[in-house]
Amino acid sequence: MKVRATAYNSLRAQTDKDPNITAWGDTLKPGMKAIAISRDLLDSGLRYNMEITIEGLEGKYIVMDKMQGRWTKKIDIYMGEDVSKAREWGNKKVTIHWTPVVE
């Protein structure tokens, strides 16, 4: 699936009063390969704690956070406290892959 991808950091200015706690209650730590997803992607089969791959990036990323409801078809890649790395990433279109859960 093609989505818009940005990056975020554990900073109050970018999140809320507790920038290390996700919407699902997990604690983020620099170095984790975590992403936040727009809530509409839950309807597309993405789930909490699911592993995804992002074309152009190495390894697997874990769905650990949800974005505010105003965003659609978007992921936010967690980049710890490295603001320059997040700014360098910018805002781009990427393709993500995951294995659907069979219920």
N, C-alpha and C. Protein backbone atom coordinates (compact mmCIF):
# COMPACT_ATOMS: atom_id res chain seq x y z
N MET A 1 0.84 -1.18 0.00
CA MET A 1 0.00 0.00 0.00
C MET A 1 0.89 1.24 0.00
N LYS A 2 0.54 2.22 -0.81
CA LYS A 2 1.26 3.50 -0.82
C LYS A 2 0.64 4.42 0.23
N VAL A 3 1.52 5.03 1.04
CA VAL A 3 1.08 5.96 2.08
C VAL A 3 2.04 7.14 2.14
N ARG A 4 1.62 8.19 2.77
CA ARG A 4 2.48 9.34 3.06
C ARG A 4 3.22 9.01 4.34
N ALA A 5 4.53 9.26 4.38
CA ALA A 5 5.35 8.95 5.57
C ALA A 5 6.10 10.19 6.03
N THR A 6 5.94 10.48 7.30
CA THR A 6 6.69 11.54 7.95
C THR A 6 7.43 10.89 9.13
N ALA A 7 8.11 11.69 9.92
CA ALA A 7 8.84 11.17 11.08
C ALA A 7 8.50 12.01 12.30
N TYR A 8 8.59 11.38 13.47
CA TYR A 8 8.34 12.13 14.70
C TYR A 8 9.32 11.75 15.77
N ASN A 9 9.37 12.61 16.81
CA ASN A 9 10.32 12.44 17.91
C ASN A 9 9.57 12.43 19.25
N SER A 10 10.26 11.99 20.29
CA SER A 10 9.71 12.00 21.66
C SER A 10 9.89 13.39 22.26
N LEU A 11 9.14 14.33 21.76
CA LEU A 11 9.20 15.71 22.25
C LEU A 11 7.79 16.22 22.48
N ARG A 12 7.57 16.94 23.57
CA ARG A 12 6.23 17.47 23.87
C ARG A 12 5.66 18.30 22.73
N ALA A 13 6.50 19.06 22.08
CA ALA A 13 6.02 19.92 20.98
C ALA A 13 5.45 19.11 19.82
N GLN A 14 5.84 17.84 19.70
CA GLN A 14 5.37 17.01 18.60
C GLN A 14 4.29 16.02 19.02
N THR A 15 4.13 15.82 20.32
CA THR A 15 3.17 14.81 20.78
C THR A 15 2.22 15.42 21.79
N ASP A 16 2.31 15.00 23.04
CA ASP A 16 1.48 15.58 24.09
C ASP A 16 2.30 15.69 25.36
N LYS A 17 1.63 15.75 26.50
CA LYS A 17 2.33 15.97 27.77
C LYS A 17 3.28 14.84 28.16
N ASP A 18 3.07 13.65 27.63
CA ASP A 18 3.98 12.53 27.92
C ASP A 18 4.44 11.94 26.59
N PRO A 19 5.48 12.52 25.99
CA PRO A 19 5.88 12.17 24.63
C PRO A 19 6.44 10.77 24.43
N ASN A 20 6.68 10.04 25.51
CA ASN A 20 7.21 8.68 25.37
C ASN A 20 6.14 7.60 25.47
N ILE A 21 4.90 8.00 25.71
CA ILE A 21 3.80 7.04 25.84
C ILE A 21 2.93 7.11 24.59
N THR A 22 2.67 5.95 23.98
CA THR A 22 1.86 5.89 22.76
C THR A 22 0.37 5.90 23.08
N ALA A 23 -0.44 6.01 22.04
CA ALA A 23 -1.89 5.99 22.20
C ALA A 23 -2.37 4.65 22.78
N TRP A 24 -1.61 3.58 22.55
CA TRP A 24 -1.97 2.27 23.11
C TRP A 24 -1.31 2.02 24.47
N GLY A 25 -0.56 3.00 24.98
CA GLY A 25 0.03 2.89 26.31
C GLY A 25 1.43 2.32 26.38
N ASP A 26 2.07 2.07 25.23
CA ASP A 26 3.44 1.56 25.23
C ASP A 26 4.42 2.70 25.51
N THR A 27 5.59 2.34 26.00
CA THR A 27 6.65 3.32 26.24
C THR A 27 7.65 3.24 25.08
N LEU A 28 7.85 4.38 24.43
CA LEU A 28 8.82 4.47 23.33
C LEU A 28 10.20 4.80 23.89
N LYS A 29 11.21 4.18 23.29
CA LYS A 29 12.60 4.45 23.66
C LYS A 29 13.40 4.67 22.38
N PRO A 30 14.31 5.65 22.36
CA PRO A 30 15.14 5.86 21.18
C PRO A 30 15.76 4.55 20.69
N GLY A 31 15.77 4.38 19.38
CA GLY A 31 16.32 3.17 18.77
C GLY A 31 15.26 2.16 18.39
N MET A 32 14.06 2.30 18.93
CA MET A 32 12.97 1.38 18.58
C MET A 32 12.54 1.61 17.15
N LYS A 33 12.17 0.55 16.45
CA LYS A 33 11.63 0.67 15.10
C LYS A 33 10.11 0.62 15.23
N ALA A 34 9.55 1.79 15.52
CA ALA A 34 8.11 1.91 15.77
C ALA A 34 7.51 2.91 14.80
N ILE A 35 6.22 2.73 14.54
CA ILE A 35 5.50 3.70 13.73
C ILE A 35 4.15 4.01 14.37
N ALA A 36 3.64 5.17 14.01
CA ALA A 36 2.25 5.54 14.31
C ALA A 36 1.51 5.47 12.98
N ILE A 37 0.24 5.10 13.03
CA ILE A 37 -0.55 5.00 11.80
C ILE A 37 -1.78 5.89 11.90
N SER A 38 -2.22 6.38 10.75
CA SER A 38 -3.50 7.09 10.74
C SER A 38 -4.59 6.07 11.02
N ARG A 39 -5.64 6.50 11.68
CA ARG A 39 -6.68 5.58 12.14
C ARG A 39 -7.42 4.88 11.01
N ASP A 40 -7.46 5.47 9.83
CA ASP A 40 -8.13 4.81 8.71
C ASP A 40 -7.39 3.54 8.28
N LEU A 41 -6.08 3.45 8.58
CA LEU A 41 -5.32 2.26 8.20
C LEU A 41 -5.72 1.04 9.03
N LEU A 42 -6.36 1.26 10.17
CA LEU A 42 -6.91 0.14 10.94
C LEU A 42 -7.97 -0.58 10.12
N ASP A 43 -8.73 0.17 9.33
CA ASP A 43 -9.75 -0.42 8.46
C ASP A 43 -9.13 -1.16 7.28
N SER A 44 -7.85 -0.88 7.00
CA SER A 44 -7.16 -1.54 5.89
C SER A 44 -6.44 -2.81 6.33
N GLY A 45 -6.55 -3.16 7.60
CA GLY A 45 -5.94 -4.40 8.08
C GLY A 45 -4.73 -4.24 8.97
N LEU A 46 -4.21 -3.02 9.11
CA LEU A 46 -3.10 -2.83 10.04
C LEU A 46 -3.65 -2.92 11.46
N ARG A 47 -2.85 -3.46 12.37
CA ARG A 47 -3.26 -3.66 13.75
C ARG A 47 -2.14 -3.27 14.70
N TYR A 48 -2.50 -3.04 15.93
CA TYR A 48 -1.55 -2.78 17.00
C TYR A 48 -0.55 -3.94 17.09
N ASN A 49 0.70 -3.60 17.23
CA ASN A 49 1.81 -4.55 17.40
C ASN A 49 2.14 -5.35 16.14
N MET A 50 1.57 -5.00 15.00
CA MET A 50 1.83 -5.69 13.75
C MET A 50 3.17 -5.24 13.18
N GLU A 51 3.89 -6.17 12.56
CA GLU A 51 5.15 -5.83 11.90
C GLU A 51 4.86 -5.42 10.46
N ILE A 52 5.54 -4.36 10.02
CA ILE A 52 5.44 -3.94 8.63
C ILE A 52 6.85 -3.70 8.10
N THR A 53 6.97 -3.70 6.79
CA THR A 53 8.21 -3.26 6.16
C THR A 53 7.88 -1.99 5.39
N ILE A 54 8.87 -1.12 5.31
CA ILE A 54 8.75 0.15 4.61
C ILE A 54 9.80 0.14 3.51
N GLU A 55 9.36 0.18 2.27
CA GLU A 55 10.32 0.16 1.17
C GLU A 55 11.29 1.32 1.32
N GLY A 56 12.59 1.01 1.19
CA GLY A 56 13.63 2.02 1.32
C GLY A 56 14.27 2.05 2.70
N LEU A 57 13.66 1.35 3.68
CA LEU A 57 14.22 1.29 5.02
C LEU A 57 14.48 -0.17 5.38
N GLU A 58 15.54 -0.40 6.15
CA GLU A 58 15.88 -1.77 6.54
C GLU A 58 15.07 -2.23 7.74
N GLY A 59 14.79 -3.51 7.78
CA GLY A 59 14.17 -4.11 8.95
C GLY A 59 12.66 -3.99 8.98
N LYS A 60 12.13 -4.47 10.08
CA LYS A 60 10.69 -4.44 10.30
C LYS A 60 10.36 -3.38 11.34
N TYR A 61 9.24 -2.73 11.16
CA TYR A 61 8.75 -1.72 12.08
C TYR A 61 7.47 -2.22 12.73
N ILE A 62 7.25 -1.82 13.97
CA ILE A 62 6.09 -2.27 14.72
C ILE A 62 5.07 -1.13 14.84
N VAL A 63 3.81 -1.45 14.58
CA VAL A 63 2.72 -0.48 14.77
C VAL A 63 2.50 -0.34 16.27
N MET A 64 2.90 0.83 16.82
CA MET A 64 2.81 1.04 18.26
C MET A 64 2.01 2.27 18.66
N ASP A 65 1.62 3.08 17.68
CA ASP A 65 0.97 4.34 18.02
C ASP A 65 -0.08 4.67 16.97
N LYS A 66 -1.04 5.50 17.36
CA LYS A 66 -2.08 5.99 16.44
C LYS A 66 -1.96 7.50 16.35
N MET A 67 -2.26 8.01 15.17
CA MET A 67 -2.20 9.45 14.94
C MET A 67 -3.56 10.08 15.21
N GLN A 68 -3.60 11.39 15.29
CA GLN A 68 -4.86 12.10 15.44
C GLN A 68 -5.76 11.80 14.25
N GLY A 69 -7.06 11.88 14.47
CA GLY A 69 -8.05 11.51 13.47
C GLY A 69 -8.04 12.31 12.19
N ARG A 70 -7.39 13.45 12.17
CA ARG A 70 -7.42 14.29 10.96
C ARG A 70 -6.57 13.72 9.82
N TRP A 71 -5.65 12.79 10.13
CA TRP A 71 -4.76 12.24 9.10
C TRP A 71 -5.36 11.01 8.44
N THR A 72 -5.08 10.84 7.16
CA THR A 72 -5.51 9.63 6.44
C THR A 72 -4.37 9.12 5.59
N LYS A 73 -4.34 7.80 5.43
CA LYS A 73 -3.34 7.12 4.60
C LYS A 73 -1.93 7.63 4.88
N LYS A 74 -1.58 7.61 6.17
CA LYS A 74 -0.31 8.19 6.59
C LYS A 74 0.31 7.36 7.71
N ILE A 75 1.64 7.28 7.69
CA ILE A 75 2.39 6.72 8.82
C ILE A 75 3.38 7.77 9.30
N ASP A 76 3.76 7.63 10.56
CA ASP A 76 4.75 8.50 11.17
C ASP A 76 5.81 7.58 11.76
N ILE A 77 7.04 7.72 11.31
CA ILE A 77 8.13 6.84 11.72
C ILE A 77 8.81 7.43 12.95
N TYR A 78 8.92 6.64 14.01
CA TYR A 78 9.53 7.10 15.25
C TYR A 78 11.04 7.20 15.10
N MET A 79 11.59 8.37 15.45
CA MET A 79 13.04 8.60 15.34
C MET A 79 13.63 9.11 16.65
N GLY A 80 13.13 8.57 17.76
CA GLY A 80 13.69 8.90 19.07
C GLY A 80 13.67 10.40 19.34
N GLU A 81 14.82 10.93 19.73
CA GLU A 81 14.93 12.37 20.02
C GLU A 81 15.76 13.09 18.98
N ASP A 82 16.08 12.42 17.88
CA ASP A 82 16.95 12.97 16.83
C ASP A 82 16.12 13.81 15.84
N VAL A 83 15.94 15.07 16.19
CA VAL A 83 15.11 15.98 15.38
C VAL A 83 15.72 16.17 14.00
N SER A 84 17.04 16.26 13.90
CA SER A 84 17.65 16.48 12.58
C SER A 84 17.42 15.27 11.67
N LYS A 85 17.45 14.07 12.21
CA LYS A 85 17.17 12.87 11.42
C LYS A 85 15.71 12.88 10.92
N ALA A 86 14.80 13.28 11.78
CA ALA A 86 13.38 13.36 11.38
C ALA A 86 13.18 14.42 10.30
N ARG A 87 13.82 15.56 10.45
CA ARG A 87 13.70 16.62 9.43
C ARG A 87 14.32 16.17 8.11
N GLU A 88 15.43 15.45 8.19
CA GLU A 88 16.07 14.95 6.98
C GLU A 88 15.15 13.97 6.25
N TRP A 89 14.43 13.15 7.00
CA TRP A 89 13.48 12.21 6.39
C TRP A 89 12.43 12.99 5.62
N GLY A 90 11.88 14.02 6.26
CA GLY A 90 10.89 14.87 5.60
C GLY A 90 9.52 14.24 5.48
N ASN A 91 8.96 14.39 4.29
CA ASN A 91 7.59 13.97 4.01
C ASN A 91 7.61 13.34 2.62
N LYS A 92 7.40 12.03 2.56
CA LYS A 92 7.49 11.36 1.26
C LYS A 92 6.47 10.24 1.15
N LYS A 93 6.24 9.81 -0.08
CA LYS A 93 5.38 8.65 -0.32
C LYS A 93 6.24 7.40 -0.28
N VAL A 94 5.73 6.38 0.41
CA VAL A 94 6.42 5.10 0.50
C VAL A 94 5.40 3.98 0.32
N THR A 95 5.92 2.80 0.06
CA THR A 95 5.07 1.62 0.00
C THR A 95 5.36 0.78 1.23
N ILE A 96 4.29 0.38 1.92
CA ILE A 96 4.45 -0.48 3.09
C ILE A 96 3.84 -1.85 2.80
N HIS A 97 4.38 -2.85 3.47
CA HIS A 97 3.90 -4.23 3.31
C HIS A 97 3.68 -4.85 4.68
N TRP A 98 2.68 -5.70 4.78
CA TRP A 98 2.44 -6.47 5.99
C TRP A 98 1.67 -7.72 5.63
N THR A 99 1.68 -8.66 6.55
CA THR A 99 0.94 -9.90 6.36
C THR A 99 -0.40 -9.77 7.08
N PRO A 100 -1.50 -9.85 6.34
CA PRO A 100 -2.81 -9.70 6.98
C PRO A 100 -3.05 -10.80 8.03
N VAL A 101 -3.78 -10.42 9.06
CA VAL A 101 -4.15 -11.37 10.10
C VAL A 101 -5.38 -12.14 9.62
N VAL A 102 -5.32 -13.45 9.74
CA VAL A 102 -6.46 -14.27 9.37
C VAL A 102 -7.28 -14.53 10.63
N GLU A 103 -8.53 -14.12 10.61
CA GLU A 103 -9.37 -14.26 11.80
C GLU A 103 -10.38 -15.38 11.63
